Amino acid sequence: MKTQFYILLSLKTPAGFVNYGQYFFGNDREAAYALFGQLKGDKSLAAGAALHIDLMETVNELPVKIKTICCTLDELGYNTKLIAREIFRLKNLEEML
């Protein structure tokens, strides 16, 4: 079974964190780690942080959280644009190869 990587977006509610978006990278570990390293946010998980971005990996079809950052709404906007642009670039390069 191939290992798959994705970025998971979640927000804090009174009932706990709710996932609301995912960006899939396929099995490209280097691309996933490189992109996650470019994201804006705080690596120390503040108790009041409402927006989380997680780098996830599936191992034997089970999700494993690799890294997490907290971000503001402005940082989330920047990060979403960066993620979409990078996935677009990677998927178009795959088509050309």
N, C-alpha and C. Protein backbone atom coordinates (compact mmCIF):
# COMPACT_ATOMS: atom_id res chain seq x y z
N MET A 1 0.84 -1.18 0.00
CA MET A 1 0.00 0.00 0.00
C MET A 1 0.88 1.24 0.00
N LYS A 2 0.58 2.20 -0.86
CA LYS A 2 1.35 3.43 -0.94
C LYS A 2 1.00 4.36 0.21
N THR A 3 2.02 5.07 0.64
CA THR A 3 1.81 6.12 1.63
C THR A 3 1.30 7.36 0.92
N GLN A 4 0.27 7.97 1.46
CA GLN A 4 -0.32 9.17 0.88
C GLN A 4 -0.15 10.33 1.86
N PHE A 5 0.04 11.53 1.32
CA PHE A 5 0.22 12.73 2.13
C PHE A 5 -0.89 13.72 1.80
N TYR A 6 -1.34 14.44 2.83
CA TYR A 6 -2.33 15.48 2.63
C TYR A 6 -2.24 16.51 3.74
N ILE A 7 -2.80 17.68 3.47
CA ILE A 7 -2.88 18.74 4.45
C ILE A 7 -4.33 18.82 4.89
N LEU A 8 -4.54 18.83 6.20
CA LEU A 8 -5.87 18.85 6.78
C LEU A 8 -6.11 20.20 7.46
N LEU A 9 -7.22 20.85 7.13
CA LEU A 9 -7.59 22.12 7.73
C LEU A 9 -8.68 21.87 8.77
N SER A 10 -8.53 22.46 9.96
CA SER A 10 -9.55 22.30 10.99
C SER A 10 -9.71 23.59 11.78
N LEU A 11 -10.88 23.73 12.39
CA LEU A 11 -11.15 24.91 13.21
C LEU A 11 -11.77 24.49 14.53
N LYS A 12 -11.51 25.32 15.53
CA LYS A 12 -11.97 25.01 16.88
C LYS A 12 -13.40 25.48 17.07
N THR A 13 -14.23 24.60 17.61
CA THR A 13 -15.61 24.92 17.95
C THR A 13 -15.80 24.59 19.43
N PRO A 14 -16.92 24.98 20.02
CA PRO A 14 -17.15 24.62 21.43
C PRO A 14 -17.12 23.11 21.67
N ALA A 15 -17.44 22.33 20.65
CA ALA A 15 -17.45 20.87 20.79
C ALA A 15 -16.11 20.23 20.47
N GLY A 16 -15.11 21.02 20.05
CA GLY A 16 -13.81 20.48 19.68
C GLY A 16 -13.46 20.89 18.26
N PHE A 17 -12.41 20.29 17.72
CA PHE A 17 -11.97 20.65 16.38
C PHE A 17 -12.79 19.93 15.32
N VAL A 18 -13.11 20.67 14.26
CA VAL A 18 -13.88 20.14 13.13
C VAL A 18 -13.03 20.30 11.87
N ASN A 19 -12.87 19.22 11.13
CA ASN A 19 -12.15 19.27 9.86
C ASN A 19 -13.06 19.87 8.80
N TYR A 20 -12.49 20.77 7.98
CA TYR A 20 -13.31 21.39 6.94
C TYR A 20 -12.64 21.41 5.58
N GLY A 21 -11.44 20.89 5.46
CA GLY A 21 -10.81 20.86 4.15
C GLY A 21 -9.58 19.98 4.12
N GLN A 22 -9.29 19.44 2.94
CA GLN A 22 -8.10 18.61 2.74
C GLN A 22 -7.51 18.93 1.37
N TYR A 23 -6.19 18.90 1.33
CA TYR A 23 -5.45 19.04 0.08
C TYR A 23 -4.56 17.81 -0.06
N PHE A 24 -4.72 17.06 -1.13
CA PHE A 24 -3.97 15.82 -1.31
C PHE A 24 -2.72 16.02 -2.15
N PHE A 25 -1.62 15.39 -1.72
CA PHE A 25 -0.35 15.46 -2.44
C PHE A 25 0.01 14.14 -3.10
N GLY A 26 -0.73 13.11 -2.87
CA GLY A 26 -0.33 11.80 -3.39
C GLY A 26 0.80 11.24 -2.54
N ASN A 27 1.76 10.59 -3.18
CA ASN A 27 2.82 9.93 -2.42
C ASN A 27 4.13 10.71 -2.42
N ASP A 28 4.10 11.98 -2.74
CA ASP A 28 5.32 12.79 -2.83
C ASP A 28 5.69 13.40 -1.48
N ARG A 29 6.47 12.65 -0.70
CA ARG A 29 6.87 13.07 0.64
C ARG A 29 7.65 14.38 0.61
N GLU A 30 8.60 14.50 -0.29
CA GLU A 30 9.43 15.70 -0.36
C GLU A 30 8.60 16.94 -0.65
N ALA A 31 7.69 16.85 -1.58
CA ALA A 31 6.84 18.00 -1.92
C ALA A 31 5.95 18.39 -0.74
N ALA A 32 5.37 17.41 -0.07
CA ALA A 32 4.49 17.68 1.07
C ALA A 32 5.26 18.37 2.20
N TYR A 33 6.43 17.84 2.54
CA TYR A 33 7.23 18.43 3.61
C TYR A 33 7.74 19.82 3.22
N ALA A 34 8.16 19.98 1.98
CA ALA A 34 8.68 21.27 1.52
C ALA A 34 7.59 22.34 1.57
N LEU A 35 6.41 22.00 1.10
CA LEU A 35 5.31 22.96 1.12
C LEU A 35 4.91 23.30 2.55
N PHE A 36 4.77 22.30 3.40
CA PHE A 36 4.36 22.56 4.78
C PHE A 36 5.37 23.47 5.48
N GLY A 37 6.64 23.33 5.14
CA GLY A 37 7.68 24.18 5.71
C GLY A 37 7.56 25.64 5.30
N GLN A 38 6.87 25.93 4.21
CA GLN A 38 6.68 27.30 3.73
C GLN A 38 5.45 27.99 4.30
N LEU A 39 4.58 27.24 4.96
CA LEU A 39 3.34 27.81 5.46
C LEU A 39 3.59 28.76 6.62
N LYS A 40 2.77 29.81 6.67
CA LYS A 40 2.84 30.77 7.76
C LYS A 40 1.99 30.27 8.91
N GLY A 41 2.48 30.50 10.13
CA GLY A 41 1.74 30.09 11.32
C GLY A 41 2.69 29.83 12.46
N ASP A 42 2.13 29.47 13.59
CA ASP A 42 2.90 29.24 14.82
C ASP A 42 2.98 27.74 15.09
N LYS A 43 4.19 27.25 15.23
CA LYS A 43 4.38 25.82 15.48
C LYS A 43 4.06 25.43 16.92
N SER A 44 4.09 26.41 17.84
CA SER A 44 3.68 26.11 19.22
C SER A 44 2.16 26.22 19.28
N LEU A 45 1.52 25.19 19.72
CA LEU A 45 0.06 25.12 19.69
C LEU A 45 -0.53 25.90 20.86
N ALA A 46 -0.99 27.10 20.59
CA ALA A 46 -1.58 27.94 21.61
C ALA A 46 -2.98 27.42 21.95
N ALA A 47 -3.35 27.51 23.22
CA ALA A 47 -4.63 26.98 23.68
C ALA A 47 -5.81 27.67 23.00
N GLY A 48 -5.67 28.95 22.69
CA GLY A 48 -6.79 29.69 22.10
C GLY A 48 -6.79 29.72 20.59
N ALA A 49 -5.84 29.06 19.94
CA ALA A 49 -5.75 29.10 18.48
C ALA A 49 -6.94 28.37 17.86
N ALA A 50 -7.66 29.06 16.99
CA ALA A 50 -8.88 28.49 16.41
C ALA A 50 -8.66 27.77 15.09
N LEU A 51 -7.58 28.08 14.38
CA LEU A 51 -7.35 27.49 13.06
C LEU A 51 -6.08 26.64 13.08
N HIS A 52 -6.21 25.39 12.70
CA HIS A 52 -5.07 24.47 12.66
C HIS A 52 -4.87 23.95 11.24
N ILE A 53 -3.61 23.75 10.88
CA ILE A 53 -3.25 23.10 9.62
C ILE A 53 -2.33 21.94 9.99
N ASP A 54 -2.71 20.74 9.57
CA ASP A 54 -1.95 19.53 9.90
C ASP A 54 -1.39 18.90 8.63
N LEU A 55 -0.14 18.46 8.70
CA LEU A 55 0.43 17.62 7.65
C LEU A 55 0.15 16.19 8.06
N MET A 56 -0.56 15.47 7.21
CA MET A 56 -1.01 14.11 7.51
C MET A 56 -0.39 13.11 6.53
N GLU A 57 -0.27 11.90 7.02
CA GLU A 57 0.24 10.79 6.20
C GLU A 57 -0.66 9.58 6.48
N THR A 58 -0.96 8.82 5.46
CA THR A 58 -1.68 7.57 5.69
C THR A 58 -0.67 6.44 5.70
N VAL A 59 -0.71 5.65 6.74
CA VAL A 59 0.16 4.49 6.88
C VAL A 59 -0.75 3.29 7.07
N ASN A 60 -0.68 2.33 6.15
CA ASN A 60 -1.58 1.18 6.16
C ASN A 60 -3.04 1.64 6.24
N GLU A 61 -3.35 2.68 5.48
CA GLU A 61 -4.68 3.25 5.36
C GLU A 61 -5.17 3.95 6.62
N LEU A 62 -4.29 4.18 7.61
CA LEU A 62 -4.66 4.90 8.82
C LEU A 62 -4.00 6.27 8.83
N PRO A 63 -4.73 7.34 9.22
CA PRO A 63 -4.15 8.68 9.23
C PRO A 63 -3.18 8.87 10.39
N VAL A 64 -2.05 9.53 10.10
CA VAL A 64 -1.04 9.84 11.11
C VAL A 64 -0.70 11.32 10.97
N LYS A 65 -0.83 12.06 12.08
CA LYS A 65 -0.49 13.48 12.07
C LYS A 65 1.02 13.62 12.22
N ILE A 66 1.65 14.33 11.27
CA ILE A 66 3.09 14.51 11.28
C ILE A 66 3.48 15.83 11.94
N LYS A 67 2.85 16.91 11.50
CA LYS A 67 3.14 18.25 12.03
C LYS A 67 1.86 19.06 12.06
N THR A 68 1.83 20.05 12.96
CA THR A 68 0.68 20.94 13.08
C THR A 68 1.16 22.37 13.26
N ILE A 69 0.44 23.31 12.65
CA ILE A 69 0.66 24.72 12.94
C ILE A 69 -0.69 25.37 13.21
N CYS A 70 -0.67 26.44 14.00
CA CYS A 70 -1.84 27.28 14.24
C CYS A 70 -1.65 28.53 13.40
N CYS A 71 -2.75 29.09 12.91
CA CYS A 71 -2.60 30.30 12.11
C CYS A 71 -3.77 31.23 12.32
N THR A 72 -3.54 32.49 11.93
CA THR A 72 -4.60 33.49 11.94
C THR A 72 -5.39 33.36 10.64
N LEU A 73 -6.48 34.09 10.56
CA LEU A 73 -7.29 34.07 9.33
C LEU A 73 -6.49 34.61 8.15
N ASP A 74 -5.70 35.66 8.36
CA ASP A 74 -4.86 36.21 7.28
C ASP A 74 -3.82 35.19 6.83
N GLU A 75 -3.19 34.51 7.79
CA GLU A 75 -2.20 33.48 7.45
C GLU A 75 -2.86 32.32 6.72
N LEU A 76 -4.08 31.97 7.12
CA LEU A 76 -4.80 30.89 6.45
C LEU A 76 -5.05 31.25 4.99
N GLY A 77 -5.42 32.50 4.72
CA GLY A 77 -5.63 32.94 3.34
C GLY A 77 -4.36 32.81 2.52
N TYR A 78 -3.23 33.25 3.08
CA TYR A 78 -1.94 33.13 2.40
C TYR A 78 -1.62 31.65 2.16
N ASN A 79 -1.79 30.83 3.20
CA ASN A 79 -1.45 29.41 3.11
C ASN A 79 -2.31 28.69 2.08
N THR A 80 -3.60 29.00 2.04
CA THR A 80 -4.50 28.35 1.09
C THR A 80 -4.09 28.67 -0.34
N LYS A 81 -3.74 29.91 -0.59
CA LYS A 81 -3.28 30.30 -1.93
C LYS A 81 -1.99 29.56 -2.29
N LEU A 82 -1.06 29.49 -1.35
CA LEU A 82 0.21 28.80 -1.58
C LEU A 82 -0.01 27.31 -1.85
N ILE A 83 -0.86 26.67 -1.06
CA ILE A 83 -1.13 25.24 -1.22
C ILE A 83 -1.76 24.97 -2.59
N ALA A 84 -2.78 25.76 -2.95
CA ALA A 84 -3.46 25.56 -4.23
C ALA A 84 -2.50 25.75 -5.40
N ARG A 85 -1.66 26.76 -5.33
CA ARG A 85 -0.69 27.02 -6.40
C ARG A 85 0.30 25.86 -6.53
N GLU A 86 0.79 25.35 -5.40
CA GLU A 86 1.78 24.27 -5.44
C GLU A 86 1.16 22.97 -5.95
N ILE A 87 -0.05 22.65 -5.52
CA ILE A 87 -0.71 21.43 -6.00
C ILE A 87 -0.99 21.54 -7.49
N PHE A 88 -1.42 22.71 -7.94
CA PHE A 88 -1.64 22.94 -9.36
C PHE A 88 -0.35 22.69 -10.15
N ARG A 89 0.75 23.23 -9.64
CA ARG A 89 2.05 23.06 -10.30
C ARG A 89 2.45 21.58 -10.33
N LEU A 90 2.35 20.90 -9.21
CA LEU A 90 2.75 19.49 -9.13
C LEU A 90 1.90 18.61 -10.04
N LYS A 91 0.60 18.82 -10.05
CA LYS A 91 -0.29 18.00 -10.89
C LYS A 91 -0.05 18.24 -12.37
N ASN A 92 0.24 19.47 -12.75
CA ASN A 92 0.54 19.75 -14.15
C ASN A 92 1.88 19.20 -14.57
N LEU A 93 2.85 19.18 -13.66
CA LEU A 93 4.14 18.56 -13.98
C LEU A 93 3.98 17.06 -14.18
N GLU A 94 3.11 16.43 -13.37
CA GLU A 94 2.86 14.98 -13.51
C GLU A 94 2.30 14.69 -14.91
N GLU A 95 1.42 15.52 -15.38
CA GLU A 95 0.80 15.32 -16.69
C GLU A 95 1.83 15.43 -17.82
N MET A 96 2.84 16.28 -17.62
CA MET A 96 3.84 16.49 -18.65
C MET A 96 4.88 15.36 -18.70
N LEU A 97 5.03 14.64 -17.59
CA LEU A 97 6.05 13.58 -17.53
C LEU A 97 5.58 12.28 -18.08
